[in-house]
N, C-alpha and C. Protein backbone atom coordinates (compact mmCIF):
# COMPACT_ATOMS: atom_id res chain seq x y z
N MET A 1 -1.81 25.02 -15.25
CA MET A 1 -2.79 25.23 -16.38
C MET A 1 -2.99 26.42 -16.23
N ARG A 2 -3.96 26.61 -17.37
CA ARG A 2 -4.63 27.78 -17.81
C ARG A 2 -6.17 27.73 -18.71
N ALA A 3 -6.71 28.96 -18.25
CA ALA A 3 -8.28 28.45 -19.46
C ALA A 3 -7.20 28.20 -20.79
N LEU A 4 -8.33 27.94 -21.75
CA LEU A 4 -8.21 28.01 -22.81
C LEU A 4 -8.59 29.69 -24.02
N ARG A 5 -7.94 29.54 -24.68
CA ARG A 5 -8.24 29.73 -25.90
C ARG A 5 -9.45 29.58 -26.45
N PHE A 6 -10.48 30.00 -26.92
CA PHE A 6 -10.99 29.47 -27.88
C PHE A 6 -10.98 28.72 -29.46
N ASP A 7 -9.88 30.30 -30.03
CA ASP A 7 -9.24 29.40 -31.21
C ASP A 7 -8.05 28.60 -30.41
N ASP A 8 -7.63 27.90 -29.61
CA ASP A 8 -6.92 26.63 -29.25
C ASP A 8 -7.64 25.60 -29.21
N LEU A 9 -8.82 25.06 -28.92
CA LEU A 9 -10.02 24.17 -29.44
C LEU A 9 -9.62 23.34 -30.25
N GLY A 10 -9.74 23.76 -32.12
CA GLY A 10 -10.09 23.04 -32.25
C GLY A 10 -8.63 22.16 -33.36
N GLN A 11 -7.46 22.51 -32.31
CA GLN A 11 -6.08 21.46 -32.28
C GLN A 11 -6.58 20.12 -31.68
N HIS A 12 -7.33 20.24 -31.09
CA HIS A 12 -6.49 19.47 -30.28
C HIS A 12 -8.34 18.63 -30.48
N THR A 13 -9.30 19.02 -31.13
CA THR A 13 -10.27 18.28 -31.87
C THR A 13 -9.60 16.37 -32.79
N ASP A 14 -9.58 15.11 -32.09
CA ASP A 14 -9.28 13.77 -32.34
C ASP A 14 -10.93 13.09 -33.11
N VAL A 15 -9.94 12.32 -33.47
CA VAL A 15 -10.80 11.49 -34.88
C VAL A 15 -10.09 10.26 -34.35
N LEU A 16 -11.23 9.68 -33.71
CA LEU A 16 -10.90 8.01 -33.11
C LEU A 16 -11.64 7.23 -34.13
N ARG A 17 -10.97 5.45 -34.50
CA ARG A 17 -11.51 4.44 -34.81
C ARG A 17 -12.51 3.47 -33.97
N LEU A 18 -13.68 3.58 -33.65
CA LEU A 18 -13.82 2.48 -33.39
C LEU A 18 -13.90 1.26 -33.98
N ARG A 19 -13.96 -0.03 -32.87
CA ARG A 19 -13.59 -1.64 -33.80
C ARG A 19 -14.53 -1.52 -34.46
N ASN A 20 -15.43 -1.06 -34.25
CA ASN A 20 -16.31 -1.23 -35.94
C ASN A 20 -16.30 -0.86 -36.95
N GLY A 21 -15.08 0.46 -36.83
CA GLY A 21 -15.32 0.91 -37.74
C GLY A 21 -15.70 2.04 -37.60
N GLN A 22 -17.31 2.41 -37.14
CA GLN A 22 -16.96 4.27 -36.99
C GLN A 22 -16.71 4.61 -36.66
N SER A 23 -16.77 6.68 -36.70
CA SER A 23 -15.87 7.74 -36.10
C SER A 23 -16.58 8.31 -34.91
N LEU A 24 -15.41 8.45 -34.20
CA LEU A 24 -15.92 8.70 -32.82
C LEU A 24 -15.10 10.38 -32.58
N THR A 25 -15.48 11.29 -32.96
CA THR A 25 -14.84 12.58 -32.35
C THR A 25 -15.24 13.29 -31.05
N VAL A 26 -13.66 13.45 -30.67
CA VAL A 26 -13.59 13.91 -29.02
C VAL A 26 -12.87 15.21 -29.76
N ARG A 27 -13.62 16.00 -28.67
CA ARG A 27 -13.07 17.48 -28.48
C ARG A 27 -13.23 18.12 -26.92
N PHE A 28 -13.07 19.02 -27.36
CA PHE A 28 -13.02 20.40 -26.27
C PHE A 28 -14.60 20.67 -25.72
N VAL A 29 -15.26 20.65 -24.71
CA VAL A 29 -16.43 21.09 -24.75
C VAL A 29 -16.82 22.99 -24.46
N GLU A 30 -17.77 23.29 -26.00
CA GLU A 30 -17.48 24.31 -25.54
C GLU A 30 -19.14 24.95 -24.75
N PRO A 31 -19.73 26.46 -24.83
CA PRO A 31 -20.06 27.01 -24.43
C PRO A 31 -21.35 27.13 -25.18
N ARG A 32 -21.69 26.83 -26.64
CA ARG A 32 -22.52 26.85 -26.96
C ARG A 32 -22.86 24.75 -27.30
N ASP A 33 -22.14 24.07 -26.64
CA ASP A 33 -22.79 22.88 -26.14
C ASP A 33 -23.33 22.15 -24.40
N ALA A 34 -23.81 23.85 -24.65
CA ALA A 34 -24.48 23.67 -22.90
C ALA A 34 -26.11 23.05 -22.86
N GLU A 35 -26.52 23.11 -23.84
CA GLU A 35 -27.86 22.48 -23.66
C GLU A 35 -28.13 21.08 -24.68
N ALA A 36 -27.42 20.16 -25.35
CA ALA A 36 -27.25 19.05 -26.04
C ALA A 36 -26.28 18.61 -24.74
N LEU A 37 -25.25 18.77 -24.00
CA LEU A 37 -24.47 18.17 -22.68
C LEU A 37 -25.87 17.78 -21.89
N GLN A 38 -26.59 18.88 -21.53
CA GLN A 38 -27.70 18.54 -19.88
C GLN A 38 -28.41 17.82 -20.90
N ASN A 39 -29.06 17.53 -21.77
CA ASN A 39 -29.93 16.81 -22.56
C ASN A 39 -29.30 15.62 -22.72
N TYR A 40 -27.67 15.30 -23.15
CA TYR A 40 -27.34 14.27 -22.22
C TYR A 40 -27.21 13.46 -21.70
N PHE A 41 -27.11 14.08 -19.97
CA PHE A 41 -26.96 13.45 -18.97
C PHE A 41 -28.27 13.19 -18.61
N ARG A 42 -29.86 13.66 -19.23
CA ARG A 42 -31.04 13.75 -18.69
C ARG A 42 -31.13 12.55 -19.22
N SER A 43 -30.37 12.11 -20.39
CA SER A 43 -31.17 10.78 -21.55
C SER A 43 -30.60 9.87 -21.23
N LEU A 44 -29.32 9.78 -20.12
CA LEU A 44 -28.64 8.85 -19.30
C LEU A 44 -29.89 7.67 -18.43
N SER A 45 -29.58 6.61 -18.53
CA SER A 45 -30.18 6.01 -16.97
C SER A 45 -30.11 5.86 -15.44
N VAL A 46 -30.96 6.31 -14.66
CA VAL A 46 -31.16 6.43 -13.84
C VAL A 46 -29.07 5.78 -12.49
N GLY A 47 -29.70 4.88 -13.01
CA GLY A 47 -28.76 3.98 -12.15
C GLY A 47 -26.68 5.00 -13.18
N SER A 48 -26.93 5.73 -14.44
CA SER A 48 -25.97 6.05 -15.40
C SER A 48 -25.52 6.38 -14.78
N ARG A 49 -26.79 7.28 -14.27
CA ARG A 49 -26.22 9.17 -13.46
C ARG A 49 -25.81 8.36 -12.47
N TYR A 50 -26.76 7.84 -11.77
CA TYR A 50 -26.23 7.51 -10.62
C TYR A 50 -24.23 7.57 -10.57
N LYS A 51 -24.04 6.17 -10.50
CA LYS A 51 -22.52 6.29 -10.97
C LYS A 51 -22.01 7.45 -11.79
N ARG A 52 -22.26 7.65 -12.14
CA ARG A 52 -21.49 8.66 -13.53
C ARG A 52 -21.24 9.98 -11.67
N PHE A 53 -22.06 10.35 -10.95
CA PHE A 53 -21.82 11.44 -9.91
C PHE A 53 -21.51 10.84 -8.95
N LEU A 54 -21.47 9.87 -8.09
CA LEU A 54 -22.34 9.13 -8.11
C LEU A 54 -23.09 9.07 -6.35
N GLY A 55 -24.29 9.99 -7.40
CA GLY A 55 -25.14 9.97 -6.20
C GLY A 55 -26.73 10.78 -7.29
N ALA A 56 -27.76 10.87 -6.52
CA ALA A 56 -28.21 10.26 -6.96
C ALA A 56 -29.20 12.17 -8.19
N MET A 57 -28.95 12.48 -9.28
CA MET A 57 -29.08 13.33 -9.85
C MET A 57 -29.76 13.32 -11.42
N ARG A 58 -30.88 14.31 -11.73
CA ARG A 58 -31.33 14.26 -12.58
C ARG A 58 -30.77 14.81 -13.93
N GLU A 59 -30.31 16.08 -13.78
CA GLU A 59 -29.46 16.88 -14.86
C GLU A 59 -28.11 17.60 -13.80
N LEU A 60 -27.46 17.84 -14.42
CA LEU A 60 -26.04 18.90 -14.25
C LEU A 60 -27.17 20.45 -13.49
N PRO A 61 -26.15 20.30 -11.97
CA PRO A 61 -27.34 21.94 -11.71
C PRO A 61 -26.72 22.79 -12.61
N GLU A 62 -27.48 24.26 -12.60
CA GLU A 62 -27.05 24.94 -12.84
C GLU A 62 -24.83 25.82 -13.35
N THR A 63 -24.56 26.19 -11.89
CA THR A 63 -23.73 26.36 -11.63
C THR A 63 -22.46 25.39 -11.97
N GLU A 64 -22.58 24.13 -12.15
CA GLU A 64 -21.82 23.20 -12.37
C GLU A 64 -21.21 22.73 -14.31
N LEU A 65 -22.54 22.91 -14.62
CA LEU A 65 -22.90 22.96 -16.58
C LEU A 65 -22.34 23.74 -16.84
N GLY A 66 -21.96 24.93 -16.27
CA GLY A 66 -21.11 26.16 -16.22
C GLY A 66 -19.50 25.16 -16.82
N HIS A 67 -20.00 25.27 -15.21
CA HIS A 67 -17.76 25.25 -15.41
C HIS A 67 -17.50 23.98 -16.62
N PHE A 68 -18.67 23.16 -16.83
CA PHE A 68 -18.39 21.58 -17.78
C PHE A 68 -18.54 22.22 -19.20
N VAL A 69 -18.64 23.35 -19.58
CA VAL A 69 -18.64 24.44 -20.91
C VAL A 69 -18.00 25.74 -21.01
N HIS A 70 -16.54 25.36 -19.49
CA HIS A 70 -15.53 26.46 -19.63
C HIS A 70 -14.28 25.77 -19.72
N PRO A 71 -13.97 24.81 -21.20
CA PRO A 71 -12.56 24.59 -19.92
C PRO A 71 -11.97 25.17 -20.36
N GLY A 72 -10.75 24.57 -18.42
CA GLY A 72 -9.64 25.22 -17.99
C GLY A 72 -10.36 25.94 -16.51
N GLU A 73 -11.26 26.12 -16.39
CA GLU A 73 -12.24 27.02 -16.02
C GLU A 73 -11.39 25.96 -14.19
N ASP A 74 -11.13 26.26 -13.10
CA ASP A 74 -11.31 25.82 -12.12
C ASP A 74 -9.45 24.57 -12.16
N ASP A 75 -9.24 25.04 -13.48
CA ASP A 75 -8.13 23.77 -13.80
C ASP A 75 -8.52 22.37 -14.40
N ARG A 76 -10.19 22.21 -14.58
CA ARG A 76 -10.79 21.09 -15.10
C ARG A 76 -10.90 21.47 -16.26
N PHE A 77 -10.85 20.41 -17.48
CA PHE A 77 -11.25 21.10 -18.35
C PHE A 77 -12.82 18.85 -18.80
N SER A 78 -13.40 19.97 -19.99
CA SER A 78 -14.52 18.52 -20.45
C SER A 78 -15.13 18.39 -21.70
N VAL A 79 -14.83 17.25 -22.32
CA VAL A 79 -15.15 16.70 -23.50
C VAL A 79 -15.80 15.64 -23.76
N ILE A 80 -15.92 16.25 -25.20
CA ILE A 80 -17.66 15.07 -25.49
C ILE A 80 -17.32 14.53 -26.29
N ALA A 81 -17.86 12.94 -26.88
CA ALA A 81 -17.68 12.08 -27.74
C ALA A 81 -18.26 12.02 -28.59
N LEU A 82 -18.57 12.46 -29.90
CA LEU A 82 -19.70 12.58 -31.39
C LEU A 82 -19.14 11.20 -32.45
N MET A 83 -20.11 10.71 -32.30
CA MET A 83 -20.72 10.75 -33.57
C MET A 83 -21.87 10.78 -34.90
N THR A 84 -21.99 10.47 -35.31
CA THR A 84 -23.07 10.51 -36.81
C THR A 84 -23.91 9.48 -36.85
N ILE A 85 -25.10 10.77 -35.96
CA ILE A 85 -26.91 9.31 -36.10
C ILE A 85 -27.53 9.16 -36.85
N ASN A 86 -28.06 8.56 -37.75
CA ASN A 86 -28.92 9.01 -38.82
C ASN A 86 -28.96 10.77 -38.92
N GLY A 87 -27.98 10.90 -39.36
CA GLY A 87 -27.35 12.55 -40.42
C GLY A 87 -27.30 13.80 -39.31
N PHE A 88 -27.94 12.68 -38.08
CA PHE A 88 -27.07 14.28 -36.65
C PHE A 88 -25.72 14.21 -36.10
N GLU A 89 -25.29 15.09 -35.52
CA GLU A 89 -23.50 14.51 -34.56
C GLU A 89 -24.64 14.86 -33.55
N THR A 90 -24.21 13.61 -33.07
CA THR A 90 -25.10 13.21 -31.35
C THR A 90 -23.95 12.60 -30.46
N ILE A 91 -23.49 13.26 -29.00
CA ILE A 91 -22.91 12.66 -28.50
C ILE A 91 -23.16 11.74 -27.85
N VAL A 92 -22.11 10.70 -27.88
CA VAL A 92 -22.69 9.88 -27.04
C VAL A 92 -22.08 9.56 -25.59
N GLY A 93 -20.64 9.81 -25.67
CA GLY A 93 -20.01 9.93 -24.28
C GLY A 93 -19.14 11.71 -24.05
N GLU A 94 -18.40 11.42 -22.63
CA GLU A 94 -18.92 13.28 -22.49
C GLU A 94 -17.39 12.36 -20.99
N ALA A 95 -15.96 13.10 -21.22
CA ALA A 95 -15.15 12.84 -19.60
C ALA A 95 -15.11 14.18 -19.67
N ARG A 96 -14.66 14.05 -18.22
CA ARG A 96 -13.73 15.82 -17.10
C ARG A 96 -12.67 14.83 -16.67
N TYR A 97 -11.37 15.83 -16.70
CA TYR A 97 -10.05 15.74 -16.13
C TYR A 97 -9.52 16.98 -15.77
N GLY A 98 -8.44 17.10 -14.68
CA GLY A 98 -7.98 17.37 -14.19
C GLY A 98 -6.72 17.18 -14.21
N PHE A 99 -5.63 18.17 -14.07
CA PHE A 99 -4.35 17.75 -13.33
C PHE A 99 -3.91 18.49 -12.85
N GLU A 100 -2.65 17.94 -11.85
CA GLU A 100 -2.43 18.45 -10.53
C GLU A 100 -0.90 17.69 -10.72
N PRO A 101 -0.31 19.50 -11.03
CA PRO A 101 1.16 19.35 -10.97
C PRO A 101 1.60 19.21 -9.75
N ASP A 102 2.11 19.77 -8.42
CA ASP A 102 2.07 19.24 -7.32
C ASP A 102 2.26 17.54 -7.53
N THR A 103 1.69 16.74 -7.92
CA THR A 103 1.82 14.95 -7.56
C THR A 103 2.37 14.88 -8.94
N ALA A 104 1.90 15.45 -9.92
CA ALA A 104 1.99 14.99 -11.41
C ALA A 104 0.90 13.97 -11.69
N SER A 105 -0.84 14.43 -11.13
CA SER A 105 -1.72 13.48 -10.84
C SER A 105 -2.70 14.20 -11.93
N PHE A 106 -3.49 12.86 -12.41
CA PHE A 106 -4.88 12.81 -13.62
C PHE A 106 -5.50 11.96 -13.58
N GLU A 107 -6.65 13.24 -12.97
CA GLU A 107 -7.99 12.34 -12.18
C GLU A 107 -8.36 12.66 -13.33
N PHE A 108 -10.13 11.56 -14.12
CA PHE A 108 -10.95 11.52 -14.30
C PHE A 108 -11.82 11.28 -14.63
N GLY A 109 -13.31 11.31 -14.38
CA GLY A 109 -14.24 10.30 -14.85
C GLY A 109 -14.58 10.39 -16.56
N LEU A 110 -15.60 9.47 -16.72
CA LEU A 110 -16.23 9.27 -17.97
C LEU A 110 -17.79 9.15 -18.22
N SER A 111 -18.25 8.86 -18.90
CA SER A 111 -19.84 8.28 -19.38
C SER A 111 -19.80 7.45 -20.71
N VAL A 112 -21.37 6.74 -20.80
CA VAL A 112 -20.87 6.91 -21.70
C VAL A 112 -22.43 6.32 -22.33
N ASP A 113 -23.42 6.69 -23.11
CA ASP A 113 -24.67 6.34 -23.68
C ASP A 113 -24.78 5.52 -22.98
N ASP A 114 -25.87 4.67 -22.61
CA ASP A 114 -26.62 4.00 -22.48
C ASP A 114 -26.92 2.84 -23.81
N ARG A 115 -27.04 3.40 -24.98
CA ARG A 115 -27.64 3.51 -25.71
C ARG A 115 -26.15 2.84 -26.40
N TRP A 116 -24.89 2.96 -26.10
CA TRP A 116 -24.12 2.62 -27.25
C TRP A 116 -23.34 2.25 -26.43
N GLN A 117 -23.36 2.13 -25.37
CA GLN A 117 -22.82 0.94 -25.07
C GLN A 117 -22.52 -0.46 -25.09
N GLY A 118 -21.05 -1.10 -25.37
CA GLY A 118 -20.42 -2.02 -25.90
C GLY A 118 -20.08 -2.05 -27.36
N GLN A 119 -19.70 -0.89 -27.30
CA GLN A 119 -19.29 -0.36 -29.08
C GLN A 119 -17.77 -0.21 -29.16
N GLY A 120 -17.64 0.05 -27.94
CA GLY A 120 -15.72 0.96 -27.85
C GLY A 120 -15.52 1.59 -27.53
N ILE A 121 -16.39 2.51 -26.99
CA ILE A 121 -16.99 4.07 -27.30
C ILE A 121 -15.82 4.12 -25.92
N GLY A 122 -16.02 4.06 -25.27
CA GLY A 122 -15.56 4.19 -23.36
C GLY A 122 -14.07 3.55 -23.35
N SER A 123 -13.51 2.71 -24.53
CA SER A 123 -11.96 2.44 -23.85
C SER A 123 -11.83 3.06 -25.54
N ALA A 124 -12.43 3.87 -26.41
CA ALA A 124 -11.42 4.49 -26.88
C ALA A 124 -11.13 5.98 -26.38
N LEU A 125 -12.55 6.38 -25.85
CA LEU A 125 -12.61 7.93 -24.83
C LEU A 125 -10.76 7.63 -23.65
N LEU A 126 -11.19 6.77 -23.38
CA LEU A 126 -10.09 6.02 -22.19
C LEU A 126 -9.10 6.33 -22.75
N ARG A 127 -8.78 5.88 -23.79
CA ARG A 127 -6.87 5.79 -24.50
C ARG A 127 -6.68 7.11 -24.59
N ASN A 128 -7.72 7.73 -25.42
CA ASN A 128 -7.91 9.79 -25.41
C ASN A 128 -7.10 10.30 -24.20
N LEU A 129 -7.97 10.18 -22.96
CA LEU A 129 -7.78 10.48 -22.14
C LEU A 129 -6.08 10.13 -21.29
N GLU A 130 -5.75 9.03 -21.57
CA GLU A 130 -4.49 8.68 -21.53
C GLU A 130 -3.29 9.93 -21.99
N CYS A 131 -3.65 9.47 -23.32
CA CYS A 131 -2.50 10.84 -24.35
C CYS A 131 -2.49 12.22 -23.48
N ARG A 132 -3.78 13.09 -23.34
CA ARG A 132 -4.58 14.23 -22.69
C ARG A 132 -3.17 14.15 -21.17
N ALA A 133 -3.35 12.45 -20.62
CA ALA A 133 -2.92 12.33 -19.53
C ALA A 133 -0.75 13.23 -19.48
N ALA A 134 -1.40 12.14 -20.79
CA ALA A 134 1.08 12.56 -21.04
C ALA A 134 1.65 13.54 -21.37
N ALA A 135 0.36 14.19 -21.98
CA ALA A 135 0.79 15.50 -22.39
C ALA A 135 1.30 16.30 -21.71
N PHE A 136 0.70 16.26 -20.65
CA PHE A 136 0.79 16.92 -19.07
C PHE A 136 1.93 16.53 -18.69
N GLY A 137 2.49 15.49 -18.95
CA GLY A 137 3.99 15.36 -18.10
C GLY A 137 2.85 14.61 -16.89
N ALA A 138 1.81 14.13 -17.21
CA ALA A 138 1.05 12.38 -15.76
C ALA A 138 2.01 11.49 -15.39
N ALA A 139 2.49 11.21 -14.27
CA ALA A 139 2.78 10.55 -13.66
C ALA A 139 1.81 8.69 -13.30
N ARG A 140 0.58 9.43 -13.20
CA ARG A 140 -0.46 8.72 -12.75
C ARG A 140 -1.14 9.29 -13.36
N VAL A 141 -2.15 8.40 -13.33
CA VAL A 141 -3.68 8.87 -13.93
C VAL A 141 -4.74 7.87 -13.05
N PHE A 142 -5.58 8.03 -12.77
CA PHE A 142 -6.33 7.42 -11.91
C PHE A 142 -7.79 8.61 -11.82
N GLY A 143 -8.92 6.64 -10.96
CA GLY A 143 -10.82 7.88 -11.54
C GLY A 143 -10.82 7.37 -9.60
N ASP A 144 -12.09 7.90 -9.12
CA ASP A 144 -12.71 7.05 -8.29
C ASP A 144 -13.98 6.67 -8.70
N THR A 145 -14.47 5.29 -8.45
CA THR A 145 -16.23 4.95 -9.30
C THR A 145 -16.95 3.94 -7.60
N LEU A 146 -17.79 3.89 -8.20
CA LEU A 146 -18.62 2.54 -6.82
C LEU A 146 -18.78 0.98 -6.83
N ARG A 147 -18.33 0.56 -6.10
CA ARG A 147 -17.75 -0.34 -6.33
C ARG A 147 -19.07 -1.18 -7.14
N SER A 148 -20.08 -0.93 -6.94
CA SER A 148 -20.84 -1.59 -7.94
C SER A 148 -21.63 -1.14 -9.45
N ASN A 149 -20.26 -0.50 -9.46
CA ASN A 149 -20.43 -0.04 -11.22
C ASN A 149 -19.18 -1.57 -12.33
N ASP A 150 -19.75 -2.54 -12.28
CA ASP A 150 -19.17 -3.51 -13.33
C ASP A 150 -18.70 -2.79 -14.08
N VAL A 151 -18.81 -2.19 -14.81
CA VAL A 151 -18.75 -1.64 -16.56
C VAL A 151 -18.07 -0.49 -16.61
N MET A 152 -17.44 0.26 -15.79
CA MET A 152 -16.34 1.06 -15.36
C MET A 152 -14.96 0.17 -14.84
N LEU A 153 -15.27 -0.59 -13.65
CA LEU A 153 -14.65 -1.89 -12.95
C LEU A 153 -13.62 -2.35 -14.04
N GLY A 154 -15.15 -3.35 -15.33
CA GLY A 154 -14.37 -3.73 -16.23
C GLY A 154 -13.41 -3.28 -17.09
N LEU A 155 -13.82 -1.88 -17.71
CA LEU A 155 -12.95 -1.27 -18.36
C LEU A 155 -11.80 -0.36 -17.92
N ALA A 156 -11.62 -0.53 -16.49
CA ALA A 156 -10.03 0.08 -16.02
C ALA A 156 -9.75 -1.36 -16.51
N ARG A 157 -10.21 -2.59 -15.71
CA ARG A 157 -9.00 -4.16 -15.56
C ARG A 157 -7.94 -4.14 -17.03
N LYS A 158 -9.24 -3.72 -17.99
CA LYS A 158 -9.43 -4.33 -19.10
C LYS A 158 -7.87 -2.83 -19.98
N SER A 159 -7.95 -1.74 -19.28
CA SER A 159 -7.17 -0.93 -19.76
C SER A 159 -6.00 -0.64 -19.11
N GLY A 160 -5.84 -2.02 -17.85
CA GLY A 160 -4.38 -2.02 -16.99
C GLY A 160 -4.28 -1.01 -16.46
N PHE A 161 -5.14 -1.04 -15.26
CA PHE A 161 -5.71 0.29 -14.47
C PHE A 161 -5.35 -1.02 -12.98
N ALA A 162 -4.56 -0.83 -12.48
CA ALA A 162 -4.83 -1.75 -10.64
C ALA A 162 -5.72 -0.87 -10.26
N PHE A 163 -6.30 -1.59 -8.30
CA PHE A 163 -7.16 -0.69 -7.55
C PHE A 163 -6.99 -0.84 -6.16
N ALA A 164 -7.03 -0.25 -5.90
CA ALA A 164 -6.93 -0.33 -4.48
C ALA A 164 -8.21 0.44 -3.58
N PRO A 165 -8.18 0.53 -2.33
CA PRO A 165 -9.53 1.52 -1.62
C PRO A 165 -8.91 3.21 -2.10
N THR A 166 -10.48 3.56 -2.78
CA THR A 166 -10.63 4.87 -2.28
C THR A 166 -10.15 5.67 -1.17
N PRO A 167 -9.27 6.73 -0.78
CA PRO A 167 -9.03 7.12 0.71
C PRO A 167 -10.52 7.79 1.14
N ASN A 168 -10.42 7.47 2.67
CA ASN A 168 -12.05 8.16 3.46
C ASN A 168 -13.09 7.51 2.47
N ASP A 169 -13.27 6.92 2.15
CA ASP A 169 -14.60 6.67 1.49
C ASP A 169 -14.89 5.03 1.08
N TRP A 170 -15.29 3.73 1.80
CA TRP A 170 -15.39 2.83 1.91
C TRP A 170 -16.20 2.02 0.32
N LYS A 171 -17.22 3.30 0.21
CA LYS A 171 -18.52 2.79 -0.74
C LYS A 171 -17.40 2.76 -1.87
N LEU A 172 -16.56 3.25 -2.57
CA LEU A 172 -16.06 3.75 -4.02
C LEU A 172 -14.66 3.22 -3.97
N VAL A 173 -14.26 3.00 -5.21
CA VAL A 173 -13.11 2.10 -5.45
C VAL A 173 -12.16 2.65 -6.04
N ARG A 174 -10.85 2.72 -5.90
CA ARG A 174 -9.40 3.59 -6.98
C ARG A 174 -9.28 2.58 -8.13
N PHE A 175 -9.06 3.36 -9.59
CA PHE A 175 -8.76 2.12 -10.25
C PHE A 175 -7.54 3.48 -10.57
N GLU A 176 -5.87 3.00 -11.03
CA GLU A 176 -4.80 3.84 -11.13
C GLU A 176 -3.87 3.25 -11.72
N LYS A 177 -2.97 3.90 -12.91
CA LYS A 177 -2.43 3.50 -13.37
C LYS A 177 -0.83 4.22 -13.87
N HIS A 178 0.03 3.75 -13.49
CA HIS A 178 1.20 4.69 -13.21
C HIS A 178 1.74 4.85 -15.13
N THR A 179 2.20 5.99 -15.12
CA THR A 179 2.16 6.07 -16.89
C THR A 179 3.34 7.08 -16.95
N GLY A 180 4.23 6.82 -18.23
CA GLY A 180 5.71 7.06 -18.32
C GLY A 180 5.90 6.95 -20.13
N VAL A 181 5.63 7.51 -20.88
CA VAL A 181 5.46 7.67 -22.21
C VAL A 181 5.64 9.42 -22.53
N ALA A 182 7.22 8.77 -23.04
CA ALA A 182 7.83 10.26 -23.98
C ALA A 182 7.07 10.79 -24.65
N PRO A 183 7.82 12.46 -24.59
CA PRO A 183 6.10 13.22 -26.03
C PRO A 183 6.07 11.84 -27.63
N GLN A 184 7.29 11.87 -27.19
CA GLN A 184 7.15 11.11 -28.65
C GLN A 184 7.49 10.60 -29.12
N ASP A 185 6.23 9.41 -27.88
CA ASP A 185 5.87 8.17 -28.37
C ASP A 185 4.39 8.43 -27.92
N ILE A 186 3.33 9.03 -27.60
CA ILE A 186 2.41 8.96 -27.70
C ILE A 186 1.66 9.57 -28.90
N PRO A 187 1.23 7.86 -28.56
CA PRO A 187 0.17 7.50 -30.29
C PRO A 187 -1.34 8.63 -29.87
N CYS A 188 -1.37 9.97 -30.01
CA CYS A 188 -2.27 10.39 -30.50
C CYS A 188 -1.57 12.30 -31.21
N ALA A 189 -1.93 12.20 -32.10
CA ALA A 189 -1.36 13.51 -33.05
C ALA A 189 -0.97 14.84 -32.63
N SER A 190 -2.49 15.12 -32.22
CA SER A 190 -2.53 16.23 -31.70
C SER A 190 -1.81 16.75 -29.82
N TRP A 191 -1.93 15.22 -29.36
CA TRP A 191 -1.45 15.66 -27.78
C TRP A 191 0.09 15.06 -27.53
N LYS A 192 0.66 14.88 -28.96
CA LYS A 192 1.62 14.47 -29.34
C LYS A 192 2.47 15.77 -29.53
N LEU A 193 2.34 16.61 -31.15
CA LEU A 193 2.49 17.70 -30.72
C LEU A 193 2.52 18.87 -29.00
N ALA A 194 1.18 18.58 -28.49
CA ALA A 194 1.10 19.10 -27.32
C ALA A 194 2.31 18.80 -26.46
N ALA A 195 2.57 18.12 -26.60
CA ALA A 195 3.69 17.47 -25.13
C ALA A 195 5.38 17.93 -25.92
N VAL A 196 5.11 18.04 -27.26
CA VAL A 196 6.57 18.42 -27.95
C VAL A 196 7.19 19.78 -27.50
N SER A 197 6.17 20.18 -27.52
CA SER A 197 5.88 21.55 -27.66
C SER A 197 6.13 22.28 -26.22
N ARG A 198 5.40 21.68 -25.62
CA ARG A 198 5.10 21.54 -24.33
C ARG A 198 7.44 22.01 -23.61
N HIS A 199 8.05 21.50 -24.10
CA HIS A 199 9.05 20.52 -23.67
C HIS A 199 10.25 21.90 -24.87
N LEU A 200 9.89 22.72 -25.62
CA LEU A 200 9.80 23.41 -26.47
C LEU A 200 10.75 25.34 -25.71
N PRO A 201 12.09 25.34 -25.27
CA PRO A 201 11.68 27.16 -24.30
C PRO A 201 10.80 27.60 -25.47
N SER A 202 10.41 27.87 -26.68
CA SER A 202 9.29 29.67 -27.10
C SER A 202 8.07 29.04 -27.11
N ALA A 203 8.24 27.93 -26.95
CA ALA A 203 6.56 27.59 -26.79
C ALA A 203 6.27 27.00 -25.64
N SER A 204 4.80 28.09 -25.31
CA SER A 204 3.32 27.88 -24.69
C SER A 204 3.11 26.78 -24.39
N LEU A 205 2.81 26.50 -23.13
CA LEU A 205 1.45 24.65 -23.09
C LEU A 205 0.38 24.87 -24.02
N ALA A 206 0.24 23.78 -24.54
CA ALA A 206 -1.11 23.66 -25.46
C ALA A 206 -1.98 23.07 -24.26
N GLY A 207 -3.45 23.08 -24.53
CA GLY A 207 -3.97 22.33 -23.83
C GLY A 207 -3.69 21.98 -22.35
């Protein structure tokens, strides 16, 4: 993978529909989002931050925040999920992921604002991540979470993931799904296009 050019980002903005009919926009994080993203993490409950980062953390360290807001750096990508609330575009969720070509594995972690949990945001974001994984040609999608994280485990179970111990860490459990979606069958329009383009000899990798 390569770091994305900023003129690539807009074509990979996805507008999703939640079960209550509201729209959820998922797009890559950009440097201009740094303050809003940090405020999002600060607004999470202590428990939610602990589960997201697998340890106590009040906010992202500046170095880590810098990694979050530069898509493609270190072969990792970050996205934010946004809704219009009281007339303002507001971050209600986020995810960070990476693809390992040698093992065709797609690893991710995500969070949803405590105030907006139970609205289907996590499920919609996870489905979008699966589209991104399929566009990369991933054979396996997985994540690790605390054994006590009932919300994430429930989301993974509902989404068809299987569970196994996380290697070398008894406190965590791994949720994993094997994928095999053909490019033309990817249910997200922008990522279907990216996958099809990836298979064209004259096209460069999109995303």
